[in-house]
């Protein structure tokens, strides 16, 4: 790693700016477990500059990154035209990729104006806010609602799925998918139980974990499933990863207040989750509640979050 130059803002000095790191390499290093050498220390932090283009205007930011930590710690007040030209030089990109590496011009501007005792007023710290998640209004009890006229039993067995099959699955069950079925809608009937960690969907006869697991490899996710079932959750020991159909059944056409296509009773901390479906011929399927779609990723990039489900017997 090329780590040199330092930046100071407020009472903080960072002396290990990594000019080689960028958003793509960060994903490969910390989430996909591919590409660069695997990070061995969970407390090892890397600092790098990148362009955030998710808002109305692109902005230059300083990222603090580790295995389970990613936080923008400062915004750099660079000349707007310099930042815009950097974005334009990246060429066309998908709507899912709006974080960019800096170019040589931005790097030189930082060295000349900000780093090594430069103008500290150009560095605006981003304060970390303690945010307590709103889990929405209390779910009704099972006895307080009329059950659905028909229960929809979704496939519950893990299997391999080809690319061309995914669209057929989404349309067959009338699931919403931003890429494959924008008119889809699957109405759940969620109720609460005494254990607030779980919810039941009477429409599909499934019990869901309302929270879930942090990002990890597929192998580690399976280990977490086993670790959950050993003591049990909500009194049950048969929790598992959902199938593609089961995970897609929670997809809602509209974004909730947390920016996810989900009922607000579910945690925002699992924006995309593993499902019990491998992609044929290789890879894993995921359901992405942030972008409102199912997608697959190469078997060499298996990082994902987890939310467990069980069938009501």
C-alpha atoms as a PDB file:
ATOM      1  CA  UNK A   1       0.000   0.000   0.000  1.00  0.00           C
ATOM      2  CA  UNK A   2       1.194   3.510  -0.754  1.00  0.00           C
ATOM      3  CA  UNK A   3       0.378   5.434   2.407  1.00  0.00           C
ATOM      4  CA  UNK A   4       1.866   8.911   2.684  1.00  0.00           C
ATOM      5  CA  UNK A   5       0.860  12.530   3.278  1.00  0.00           C
ATOM      6  CA  UNK A   6      -1.120  13.626   6.280  1.00  0.00           C
ATOM      7  CA  UNK A   7      -4.201  15.723   6.862  1.00  0.00           C
ATOM      8  CA  UNK A   8      -5.235  17.591   9.988  1.00  0.00           C
ATOM      9  CA  UNK A   9      -8.660  18.892  10.935  1.00  0.00           C
ATOM     10  CA  UNK A  10      -9.853  19.935  14.341  1.00  0.00           C
ATOM     11  CA  UNK A  11      -7.784  18.056  16.914  1.00  0.00           C
ATOM     12  CA  UNK A  12      -7.273  15.071  14.641  1.00  0.00           C
ATOM     13  CA  UNK A  13      -4.283  14.204  12.476  1.00  0.00           C
ATOM     14  CA  UNK A  14      -4.347  11.363   9.937  1.00  0.00           C
ATOM     15  CA  UNK A  15      -0.926  10.466   8.591  1.00  0.00           C
ATOM     16  CA  UNK A  16      -1.769   7.443   6.444  1.00  0.00           C
ATOM     17  CA  UNK A  17      -3.695   8.624   3.394  1.00  0.00           C
ATOM     18  CA  UNK A  18      -3.813   5.729   0.932  1.00  0.00           C
ATOM     19  CA  UNK A  19      -3.654   7.026  -2.629  1.00  0.00           C
ATOM     20  CA  UNK A  20      -4.175   3.557  -4.106  1.00  0.00           C
ATOM     21  CA  UNK A  21      -7.487   2.879  -2.353  1.00  0.00           C
ATOM     22  CA  UNK A  22     -10.770   3.803  -4.029  1.00  0.00           C
ATOM     23  CA  UNK A  23     -14.423   2.667  -3.770  1.00  0.00           C
ATOM     24  CA  UNK A  24     -13.947  -0.311  -6.113  1.00  0.00           C
ATOM     25  CA  UNK A  25     -10.823  -1.549  -4.342  1.00  0.00           C
ATOM     26  CA  UNK A  26     -12.491  -0.958  -1.000  1.00  0.00           C
ATOM     27  CA  UNK A  27     -15.299  -3.340  -1.982  1.00  0.00           C
ATOM     28  CA  UNK A  28     -12.779  -5.916  -3.157  1.00  0.00           C
ATOM     29  CA  UNK A  29     -10.747  -5.608   0.034  1.00  0.00           C
ATOM     30  CA  UNK A  30     -13.409  -5.389   2.717  1.00  0.00           C
ATOM     31  CA  UNK A  31     -16.615  -6.873   1.301  1.00  0.00           C
ATOM     32  CA  UNK A  32     -15.913  -9.308  -1.508  1.00  0.00           C
ATOM     33  CA  UNK A  33     -12.753 -10.824  -0.030  1.00  0.00           C
ATOM     34  CA  UNK A  34     -11.210 -10.744  -3.481  1.00  0.00           C
ATOM     35  CA  UNK A  35      -8.686  -8.646  -5.350  1.00  0.00           C
ATOM     36  CA  UNK A  36      -6.189  -7.236  -2.875  1.00  0.00           C
ATOM     37  CA  UNK A  37      -4.557  -8.982   0.038  1.00  0.00           C
ATOM     38  CA  UNK A  38      -7.126  -9.846   2.666  1.00  0.00           C
ATOM     39  CA  UNK A  39      -7.145  -7.580   5.705  1.00  0.00           C
ATOM     40  CA  UNK A  40      -5.997  -9.506   8.742  1.00  0.00           C
ATOM     41  CA  UNK A  41      -6.797  -7.046  11.516  1.00  0.00           C
ATOM     42  CA  UNK A  42     -10.358  -5.903  12.168  1.00  0.00           C
ATOM     43  CA  UNK A  43      -8.967  -2.732  13.789  1.00  0.00           C
ATOM     44  CA  UNK A  44      -6.849  -1.767  10.783  1.00  0.00           C
ATOM     45  CA  UNK A  45      -8.183   1.509   9.350  1.00  0.00           C
ATOM     46  CA  UNK A  46      -7.537   2.882   5.875  1.00  0.00           C
ATOM     47  CA  UNK A  47      -8.142   6.491   4.842  1.00  0.00           C
ATOM     48  CA  UNK A  48      -8.751   7.570   1.262  1.00  0.00           C
ATOM     49  CA  UNK A  49     -10.378  10.335  -0.776  1.00  0.00           C
ATOM     50  CA  UNK A  50     -13.253   9.678  -3.175  1.00  0.00           C
ATOM     51  CA  UNK A  51     -15.999  11.497  -5.052  1.00  0.00           C
ATOM     52  CA  UNK A  52     -19.535  11.042  -3.731  1.00  0.00           C
ATOM     53  CA  UNK A  53     -21.961  11.607  -6.621  1.00  0.00           C
ATOM     54  CA  UNK A  54     -25.171  10.342  -5.001  1.00  0.00           C
ATOM     55  CA  UNK A  55     -26.555  13.810  -4.303  1.00  0.00           C
ATOM     56  CA  UNK A  56     -27.482  16.723  -6.539  1.00  0.00           C
ATOM     57  CA  UNK A  57     -23.834  17.844  -6.761  1.00  0.00           C
ATOM     58  CA  UNK A  58     -20.715  15.667  -6.498  1.00  0.00           C
ATOM     59  CA  UNK A  59     -18.500  16.269  -3.483  1.00  0.00           C
ATOM     60  CA  UNK A  60     -14.998  15.305  -2.424  1.00  0.00           C
ATOM     61  CA  UNK A  61     -14.943  13.233   0.768  1.00  0.00           C
ATOM     62  CA  UNK A  62     -12.485  11.530   3.121  1.00  0.00           C
ATOM     63  CA  UNK A  63     -13.425   7.943   3.996  1.00  0.00           C
ATOM     64  CA  UNK A  64     -12.435   5.950   7.081  1.00  0.00           C
ATOM     65  CA  UNK A  65     -12.650   2.244   6.250  1.00  0.00           C
ATOM     66  CA  UNK A  66     -12.148  -1.037   8.085  1.00  0.00           C
ATOM     67  CA  UNK A  67     -13.562  -4.562   7.913  1.00  0.00           C
ATOM     68  CA  UNK A  68     -16.825  -3.672   9.648  1.00  0.00           C
ATOM     69  CA  UNK A  69     -16.616   0.093   9.539  1.00  0.00           C
ATOM     70  CA  UNK A  70     -17.160   2.587   6.739  1.00  0.00           C
ATOM     71  CA  UNK A  71     -17.713   6.248   7.526  1.00  0.00           C
ATOM     72  CA  UNK A  72     -17.210   9.532   5.736  1.00  0.00           C
ATOM     73  CA  UNK A  73     -15.327  11.594   8.296  1.00  0.00           C
ATOM     74  CA  UNK A  74     -14.877  14.834   6.358  1.00  0.00           C
ATOM     75  CA  UNK A  75     -16.000  16.729   3.279  1.00  0.00           C
ATOM     76  CA  UNK A  76     -13.331  18.650   1.395  1.00  0.00           C
ATOM     77  CA  UNK A  77     -14.383  22.006  -0.058  1.00  0.00           C
ATOM     78  CA  UNK A  78     -12.696  21.533  -3.407  1.00  0.00           C
ATOM     79  CA  UNK A  79     -13.510  23.763  -6.414  1.00  0.00           C
ATOM     80  CA  UNK A  80     -16.856  22.454  -7.761  1.00  0.00           C
ATOM     81  CA  UNK A  81     -15.665  22.489 -11.374  1.00  0.00           C
ATOM     82  CA  UNK A  82     -12.627  20.372 -10.455  1.00  0.00           C
ATOM     83  CA  UNK A  83     -14.883  17.765  -8.824  1.00  0.00           C
ATOM     84  CA  UNK A  84     -17.376  17.777 -11.712  1.00  0.00           C
ATOM     85  CA  UNK A  85     -14.596  17.221 -14.257  1.00  0.00           C
ATOM     86  CA  UNK A  86     -13.383  14.268 -12.215  1.00  0.00           C
ATOM     87  CA  UNK A  87     -16.853  12.702 -12.369  1.00  0.00           C
ATOM     88  CA  UNK A  88     -17.162  13.369 -16.098  1.00  0.00           C
ATOM     89  CA  UNK A  89     -13.811  11.678 -16.714  1.00  0.00           C
ATOM     90  CA  UNK A  90     -15.177   8.425 -15.268  1.00  0.00           C
ATOM     91  CA  UNK A  91     -17.446   7.878 -18.279  1.00  0.00           C
ATOM     92  CA  UNK A  92     -20.901   6.306 -18.149  1.00  0.00           C
ATOM     93  CA  UNK A  93     -21.816   4.259 -15.084  1.00  0.00           C
ATOM     94  CA  UNK A  94     -24.899   2.509 -13.776  1.00  0.00           C
ATOM     95  CA  UNK A  95     -27.216   4.105 -11.252  1.00  0.00           C
ATOM     96  CA  UNK A  96     -25.877   1.658  -8.673  1.00  0.00           C
ATOM     97  CA  UNK A  97     -22.317   3.002  -8.999  1.00  0.00           C
ATOM     98  CA  UNK A  98     -22.054   6.656  -8.024  1.00  0.00           C
ATOM     99  CA  UNK A  99     -18.907   6.699  -5.877  1.00  0.00           C
ATOM    100  CA  UNK A 100     -15.717   7.376  -7.828  1.00  0.00           C
ATOM    101  CA  UNK A 101     -11.952   7.358  -7.449  1.00  0.00           C
ATOM    102  CA  UNK A 102     -10.235  10.736  -7.565  1.00  0.00           C
ATOM    103  CA  UNK A 103      -8.103  11.588 -10.599  1.00  0.00           C
ATOM    104  CA  UNK A 104      -4.585  13.036 -10.775  1.00  0.00           C
ATOM    105  CA  UNK A 105      -5.867  16.620 -10.886  1.00  0.00           C
ATOM    106  CA  UNK A 106      -7.885  16.246  -7.675  1.00  0.00           C
ATOM    107  CA  UNK A 107      -4.975  14.495  -5.996  1.00  0.00           C
ATOM    108  CA  UNK A 108      -2.560  17.297  -6.879  1.00  0.00           C
ATOM    109  CA  UNK A 109      -5.041  19.938  -5.685  1.00  0.00           C
ATOM    110  CA  UNK A 110      -5.265  18.131  -2.340  1.00  0.00           C
ATOM    111  CA  UNK A 111      -1.480  18.006  -1.994  1.00  0.00           C
ATOM    112  CA  UNK A 112      -1.094  21.673  -2.924  1.00  0.00           C
ATOM    113  CA  UNK A 113      -3.965  23.069  -0.861  1.00  0.00           C
ATOM    114  CA  UNK A 114      -5.025  20.739   1.960  1.00  0.00           C
ATOM    115  CA  UNK A 115      -2.376  18.211   3.007  1.00  0.00           C
ATOM    116  CA  UNK A 116       0.845  18.723   4.986  1.00  0.00           C
ATOM    117  CA  UNK A 117      -0.289  21.811   6.866  1.00  0.00           C
ATOM    118  CA  UNK A 118      -2.513  23.212   4.134  1.00  0.00           C
ATOM    119  CA  UNK A 119      -5.710  25.207   4.572  1.00  0.00           C
ATOM    120  CA  UNK A 120      -7.596  23.428   7.360  1.00  0.00           C
ATOM    121  CA  UNK A 121     -10.736  25.477   6.710  1.00  0.00           C
ATOM    122  CA  UNK A 122     -11.248  23.465   3.522  1.00  0.00           C
ATOM    123  CA  UNK A 123     -11.778  20.305   5.593  1.00  0.00           C
ATOM    124  CA  UNK A 124     -15.250  20.088   7.152  1.00  0.00           C
ATOM    125  CA  UNK A 125     -15.603  17.240   9.694  1.00  0.00           C
ATOM    126  CA  UNK A 126     -18.727  15.109   9.413  1.00  0.00           C
ATOM    127  CA  UNK A 127     -20.091  14.441  12.878  1.00  0.00           C
ATOM    128  CA  UNK A 128     -21.234  10.892  13.519  1.00  0.00           C
ATOM    129  CA  UNK A 129     -24.836  10.888  14.657  1.00  0.00           C
ATOM    130  CA  UNK A 130     -26.273   8.354  17.054  1.00  0.00           C
ATOM    131  CA  UNK A 131     -29.408   7.276  15.246  1.00  0.00           C
ATOM    132  CA  UNK A 132     -31.990   5.063  16.912  1.00  0.00           C
ATOM    133  CA  UNK A 133     -33.862   3.221  14.217  1.00  0.00           C
ATOM    134  CA  UNK A 134     -37.605   3.703  13.921  1.00  0.00           C
ATOM    135  CA  UNK A 135     -39.134   0.237  13.583  1.00  0.00           C
ATOM    136  CA  UNK A 136     -42.490   1.656  12.617  1.00  0.00           C
ATOM    137  CA  UNK A 137     -45.813   1.363  14.440  1.00  0.00           C
ATOM    138  CA  UNK A 138     -46.425  -1.751  16.508  1.00  0.00           C
ATOM    139  CA  UNK A 139     -47.563  -4.711  14.448  1.00  0.00           C
ATOM    140  CA  UNK A 140     -51.090  -5.977  15.167  1.00  0.00           C
ATOM    141  CA  UNK A 141     -51.412  -9.205  17.091  1.00  0.00           C
ATOM    142  CA  UNK A 142     -52.401 -12.386  15.312  1.00  0.00           C
ATOM    143  CA  UNK A 143     -55.753 -12.435  17.074  1.00  0.00           C
ATOM    144  CA  UNK A 144     -56.536  -8.860  16.044  1.00  0.00           C
ATOM    145  CA  UNK A 145     -56.606  -9.462  12.284  1.00  0.00           C
ATOM    146  CA  UNK A 146     -58.596 -11.626   9.955  1.00  0.00           C
ATOM    147  CA  UNK A 147     -56.410 -14.208   8.281  1.00  0.00           C
ATOM    148  CA  UNK A 148     -55.995 -14.173   4.496  1.00  0.00           C
ATOM    149  CA  UNK A 149     -58.517 -16.058   2.404  1.00  0.00           C
ATOM    150  CA  UNK A 150     -55.698 -17.904   0.677  1.00  0.00           C
ATOM    151  CA  UNK A 151     -52.216 -18.697   1.939  1.00  0.00           C
ATOM    152  CA  UNK A 152     -49.474 -18.482  -0.681  1.00  0.00           C
ATOM    153  CA  UNK A 153     -46.947 -21.230  -0.043  1.00  0.00           C
ATOM    154  CA  UNK A 154     -43.685 -20.215  -1.649  1.00  0.00           C
ATOM    155  CA  UNK A 155     -40.850 -22.581  -2.622  1.00  0.00           C
ATOM    156  CA  UNK A 156     -38.810 -23.282   0.505  1.00  0.00           C
ATOM    157  CA  UNK A 157     -36.031 -25.527  -0.835  1.00  0.00           C
ATOM    158  CA  UNK A 158     -32.631 -24.180  -1.904  1.00  0.00           C
ATOM    159  CA  UNK A 159     -31.840 -24.632  -5.594  1.00  0.00           C
ATOM    160  CA  UNK A 160     -29.763 -23.338  -8.493  1.00  0.00           C
ATOM    161  CA  UNK A 161     -31.321 -20.595 -10.629  1.00  0.00           C
ATOM    162  CA  UNK A 162     -30.238 -19.436 -14.082  1.00  0.00           C
ATOM    163  CA  UNK A 163     -30.284 -15.769 -15.074  1.00  0.00           C
ATOM    164  CA  UNK A 164     -33.228 -16.210 -17.432  1.00  0.00           C
ATOM    165  CA  UNK A 165     -35.249 -17.971 -14.733  1.00  0.00           C
ATOM    166  CA  UNK A 166     -35.166 -15.007 -12.344  1.00  0.00           C
ATOM    167  CA  UNK A 167     -37.500 -12.858 -14.457  1.00  0.00           C
ATOM    168  CA  UNK A 168     -39.994 -15.706 -14.712  1.00  0.00           C
ATOM    169  CA  UNK A 169     -39.960 -16.231 -10.950  1.00  0.00           C
ATOM    170  CA  UNK A 170     -40.543 -12.541 -10.275  1.00  0.00           C
ATOM    171  CA  UNK A 171     -43.437 -12.311 -12.720  1.00  0.00           C
ATOM    172  CA  UNK A 172     -45.041 -15.615 -11.736  1.00  0.00           C
ATOM    173  CA  UNK A 173     -45.408 -14.557  -8.097  1.00  0.00           C
ATOM    174  CA  UNK A 174     -46.122 -10.908  -9.029  1.00  0.00           C
ATOM    175  CA  UNK A 175     -43.158  -9.609  -7.013  1.00  0.00           C
ATOM    176  CA  UNK A 176     -41.972  -6.051  -7.460  1.00  0.00           C
ATOM    177  CA  UNK A 177     -38.531  -5.786  -9.082  1.00  0.00           C
ATOM    178  CA  UNK A 178     -37.167  -2.485 -10.358  1.00  0.00           C
ATOM    179  CA  UNK A 179     -35.496  -4.228 -13.309  1.00  0.00           C
ATOM    180  CA  UNK A 180     -37.868  -7.079 -14.124  1.00  0.00           C
ATOM    181  CA  UNK A 181     -41.395  -6.219 -12.955  1.00  0.00           C
ATOM    182  CA  UNK A 182     -42.022  -2.599 -11.994  1.00  0.00           C
ATOM    183  CA  UNK A 183     -45.786  -3.196 -11.807  1.00  0.00           C
ATOM    184  CA  UNK A 184     -45.434  -6.115  -9.427  1.00  0.00           C
ATOM    185  CA  UNK A 185     -46.878  -6.117  -5.929  1.00  0.00           C
ATOM    186  CA  UNK A 186     -47.114  -8.843  -3.314  1.00  0.00           C
ATOM    187  CA  UNK A 187     -49.209  -7.853  -0.303  1.00  0.00           C
ATOM    188  CA  UNK A 188     -48.079  -9.287   3.018  1.00  0.00           C
ATOM    189  CA  UNK A 189     -50.114  -9.576   6.206  1.00  0.00           C
ATOM    190  CA  UNK A 190     -47.566  -9.016   8.957  1.00  0.00           C
ATOM    191  CA  UNK A 191     -48.407  -9.553  12.606  1.00  0.00           C
ATOM    192  CA  UNK A 192     -46.371  -9.370  15.780  1.00  0.00           C
ATOM    193  CA  UNK A 193     -45.738 -11.927  18.490  1.00  0.00           C
ATOM    194  CA  UNK A 194     -44.533 -11.685  22.075  1.00  0.00           C
ATOM    195  CA  UNK A 195     -40.916 -11.773  20.911  1.00  0.00           C
ATOM    196  CA  UNK A 196     -40.287  -8.445  19.159  1.00  0.00           C
ATOM    197  CA  UNK A 197     -37.285  -9.881  17.298  1.00  0.00           C
ATOM    198  CA  UNK A 198     -39.591 -11.698  14.883  1.00  0.00           C
ATOM    199  CA  UNK A 199     -42.732 -11.127  12.830  1.00  0.00           C
ATOM    200  CA  UNK A 200     -45.157 -13.470  11.089  1.00  0.00           C
ATOM    201  CA  UNK A 201     -46.498 -13.048   7.570  1.00  0.00           C
ATOM    202  CA  UNK A 202     -49.915 -14.727   7.549  1.00  0.00           C
ATOM    203  CA  UNK A 203     -50.039 -14.434   3.751  1.00  0.00           C
ATOM    204  CA  UNK A 204     -47.087 -16.815   3.291  1.00  0.00           C
ATOM    205  CA  UNK A 205     -47.159 -18.638   6.639  1.00  0.00           C
ATOM    206  CA  UNK A 206     -43.570 -17.563   7.327  1.00  0.00           C
ATOM    207  CA  UNK A 207     -41.907 -16.249  10.471  1.00  0.00           C
ATOM    208  CA  UNK A 208     -39.202 -13.658   9.810  1.00  0.00           C
ATOM    209  CA  UNK A 209     -36.275 -12.298  11.739  1.00  0.00           C
ATOM    210  CA  UNK A 210     -36.857  -8.546  11.885  1.00  0.00           C
ATOM    211  CA  UNK A 211     -33.177  -7.751  12.274  1.00  0.00           C
ATOM    212  CA  UNK A 212     -30.425  -9.940  10.931  1.00  0.00           C
ATOM    213  CA  UNK A 213     -26.692 -10.346  10.464  1.00  0.00           C
ATOM    214  CA  UNK A 214     -23.900  -8.020   9.427  1.00  0.00           C
ATOM    215  CA  UNK A 215     -22.091  -8.469   6.125  1.00  0.00           C
ATOM    216  CA  UNK A 216     -19.951 -11.590   5.815  1.00  0.00           C
ATOM    217  CA  UNK A 217     -18.971 -14.368   3.449  1.00  0.00           C
ATOM    218  CA  UNK A 218     -21.472 -17.050   2.490  1.00  0.00           C
ATOM    219  CA  UNK A 219     -19.561 -19.610   4.555  1.00  0.00           C
ATOM    220  CA  UNK A 220     -19.645 -17.407   7.656  1.00  0.00           C
ATOM    221  CA  UNK A 221     -23.349 -16.715   7.098  1.00  0.00           C
ATOM    222  CA  UNK A 222     -24.086 -20.435   7.216  1.00  0.00           C
ATOM    223  CA  UNK A 223     -22.127 -20.619  10.455  1.00  0.00           C
ATOM    224  CA  UNK A 224     -24.271 -17.834  11.915  1.00  0.00           C
ATOM    225  CA  UNK A 225     -27.404 -19.756  10.984  1.00  0.00           C
ATOM    226  CA  UNK A 226     -26.103 -22.757  12.927  1.00  0.00           C
ATOM    227  CA  UNK A 227     -25.105 -20.565  15.867  1.00  0.00           C
ATOM    228  CA  UNK A 228     -28.609 -19.073  15.955  1.00  0.00           C
ATOM    229  CA  UNK A 229     -30.311 -22.465  15.857  1.00  0.00           C
ATOM    230  CA  UNK A 230     -28.209 -23.927  18.645  1.00  0.00           C
ATOM    231  CA  UNK A 231     -29.875 -21.869  21.422  1.00  0.00           C
ATOM    232  CA  UNK A 232     -32.865 -21.031  19.212  1.00  0.00           C
ATOM    233  CA  UNK A 233     -34.586 -17.780  18.346  1.00  0.00           C
ATOM    234  CA  UNK A 234     -38.077 -16.998  19.627  1.00  0.00           C
ATOM    235  CA  UNK A 235     -38.233 -20.597  20.846  1.00  0.00           C
ATOM    236  CA  UNK A 236     -37.465 -22.238  17.488  1.00  0.00           C
ATOM    237  CA  UNK A 237     -34.409 -24.041  16.165  1.00  0.00           C
ATOM    238  CA  UNK A 238     -35.240 -24.397  12.465  1.00  0.00           C
ATOM    239  CA  UNK A 239     -34.209 -21.000  11.121  1.00  0.00           C
ATOM    240  CA  UNK A 240     -32.657 -20.852   7.656  1.00  0.00           C
ATOM    241  CA  UNK A 241     -31.751 -18.512   4.826  1.00  0.00           C
ATOM    242  CA  UNK A 242     -34.820 -17.626   2.735  1.00  0.00           C
ATOM    243  CA  UNK A 243     -35.255 -18.823  -0.818  1.00  0.00           C
ATOM    244  CA  UNK A 244     -35.261 -16.235  -3.581  1.00  0.00           C
ATOM    245  CA  UNK A 245     -39.075 -16.335  -3.675  1.00  0.00           C
ATOM    246  CA  UNK A 246     -39.407 -15.927   0.092  1.00  0.00           C
ATOM    247  CA  UNK A 247     -37.010 -12.974   0.225  1.00  0.00           C
ATOM    248  CA  UNK A 248     -38.673 -11.304  -2.765  1.00  0.00           C
ATOM    249  CA  UNK A 249     -42.083 -11.656  -1.093  1.00  0.00           C
ATOM    250  CA  UNK A 250     -41.034  -8.911   1.360  1.00  0.00           C
ATOM    251  CA  UNK A 251     -40.174  -6.477  -1.462  1.00  0.00           C
ATOM    252  CA  UNK A 252     -42.437  -3.428  -1.518  1.00  0.00           C
ATOM    253  CA  UNK A 253     -42.859  -1.142  -4.556  1.00  0.00           C
ATOM    254  CA  UNK A 254     -42.348   2.062  -2.537  1.00  0.00           C
ATOM    255  CA  UNK A 255     -39.338   3.020  -0.464  1.00  0.00           C
ATOM    256  CA  UNK A 256     -39.975   3.307   3.249  1.00  0.00           C
ATOM    257  CA  UNK A 257     -38.608   6.108   5.436  1.00  0.00           C
ATOM    258  CA  UNK A 258     -35.349   4.180   5.775  1.00  0.00           C
ATOM    259  CA  UNK A 259     -34.759   4.146   2.038  1.00  0.00           C
ATOM    260  CA  UNK A 260     -35.605   0.460   1.612  1.00  0.00           C
ATOM    261  CA  UNK A 261     -38.305  -1.413  -0.290  1.00  0.00           C
ATOM    262  CA  UNK A 262     -39.459  -3.059   2.944  1.00  0.00           C
ATOM    263  CA  UNK A 263     -42.061  -2.814   5.645  1.00  0.00           C
ATOM    264  CA  UNK A 264     -40.630  -0.504   8.342  1.00  0.00           C
ATOM    265  CA  UNK A 265     -40.820  -3.263  10.966  1.00  0.00           C
ATOM    266  CA  UNK A 266     -37.650  -4.719   9.415  1.00  0.00           C
ATOM    267  CA  UNK A 267     -34.225  -3.324  10.226  1.00  0.00           C
ATOM    268  CA  UNK A 268     -32.417  -1.122   7.731  1.00  0.00           C
ATOM    269  CA  UNK A 269     -29.097  -2.738   8.701  1.00  0.00           C
ATOM    270  CA  UNK A 270     -29.553  -5.524   6.120  1.00  0.00           C
ATOM    271  CA  UNK A 271     -30.012  -3.638   2.812  1.00  0.00           C
ATOM    272  CA  UNK A 272     -29.274  -6.719   0.674  1.00  0.00           C
ATOM    273  CA  UNK A 273     -29.329 -10.309   1.824  1.00  0.00           C
ATOM    274  CA  UNK A 274     -28.112 -13.748   0.863  1.00  0.00           C
ATOM    275  CA  UNK A 275     -30.769 -16.174  -0.305  1.00  0.00           C
ATOM    276  CA  UNK A 276     -30.724 -19.966  -0.497  1.00  0.00           C
ATOM    277  CA  UNK A 277     -30.105 -20.005  -4.229  1.00  0.00           C
ATOM    278  CA  UNK A 278     -26.917 -20.387  -6.158  1.00  0.00           C
ATOM    279  CA  UNK A 279     -26.634 -18.900  -9.597  1.00  0.00           C
ATOM    280  CA  UNK A 280     -26.109 -21.479 -12.330  1.00  0.00           C
ATOM    281  CA  UNK A 281     -23.386 -21.944 -13.529  1.00  0.00           C
ATOM    282  CA  UNK A 282     -21.649 -20.013 -10.717  1.00  0.00           C
ATOM    283  CA  UNK A 283     -22.267 -17.273  -8.179  1.00  0.00           C
ATOM    284  CA  UNK A 284     -24.800 -16.415  -5.490  1.00  0.00           C
ATOM    285  CA  UNK A 285     -28.221 -14.789  -5.684  1.00  0.00           C
ATOM    286  CA  UNK A 286     -29.095 -11.852  -3.429  1.00  0.00           C
ATOM    287  CA  UNK A 287     -32.173  -9.722  -2.817  1.00  0.00           C
ATOM    288  CA  UNK A 288     -31.426  -5.997  -2.655  1.00  0.00           C
ATOM    289  CA  UNK A 289     -34.053  -3.986  -0.768  1.00  0.00           C
ATOM    290  CA  UNK A 290     -32.217  -0.726  -1.346  1.00  0.00           C
ATOM    291  CA  UNK A 291     -32.344  -0.916  -5.130  1.00  0.00           C
ATOM    292  CA  UNK A 292     -35.531  -2.994  -5.231  1.00  0.00           C
ATOM    293  CA  UNK A 293     -34.287  -5.993  -7.179  1.00  0.00           C
ATOM    294  CA  UNK A 294     -32.780  -9.436  -7.048  1.00  0.00           C
ATOM    295  CA  UNK A 295     -29.298  -9.868  -8.488  1.00  0.00           C
ATOM    296  CA  UNK A 296     -26.417 -12.287  -8.617  1.00  0.00           C
ATOM    297  CA  UNK A 297     -22.761 -11.811  -7.876  1.00  0.00           C
ATOM    298  CA  UNK A 298     -19.715 -13.867  -8.723  1.00  0.00           C
ATOM    299  CA  UNK A 299     -18.767 -16.649  -6.354  1.00  0.00           C
ATOM    300  CA  UNK A 300     -15.557 -14.734  -5.736  1.00  0.00           C
ATOM    301  CA  UNK A 301     -17.573 -11.814  -4.348  1.00  0.00           C
ATOM    302  CA  UNK A 302     -19.769 -13.450  -1.695  1.00  0.00           C
ATOM    303  CA  UNK A 303     -20.198 -10.604   0.773  1.00  0.00           C
ATOM    304  CA  UNK A 304     -23.775 -10.129   1.927  1.00  0.00           C
ATOM    305  CA  UNK A 305     -26.066  -9.545   4.909  1.00  0.00           C
ATOM    306  CA  UNK A 306     -28.463 -12.067   6.367  1.00  0.00           C
ATOM    307  CA  UNK A 307     -32.099 -12.269   7.538  1.00  0.00           C
ATOM    308  CA  UNK A 308     -33.484 -15.615   8.606  1.00  0.00           C
ATOM    309  CA  UNK A 309     -36.871 -17.201   8.073  1.00  0.00           C
ATOM    310  CA  UNK A 310     -38.739 -20.316   9.142  1.00  0.00           C
ATOM    311  CA  UNK A 311     -41.923 -21.966   7.947  1.00  0.00           C
ATOM    312  CA  UNK A 312     -44.872 -22.142  10.300  1.00  0.00           C
ATOM    313  CA  UNK A 313     -45.754 -25.810  10.825  1.00  0.00           C
END
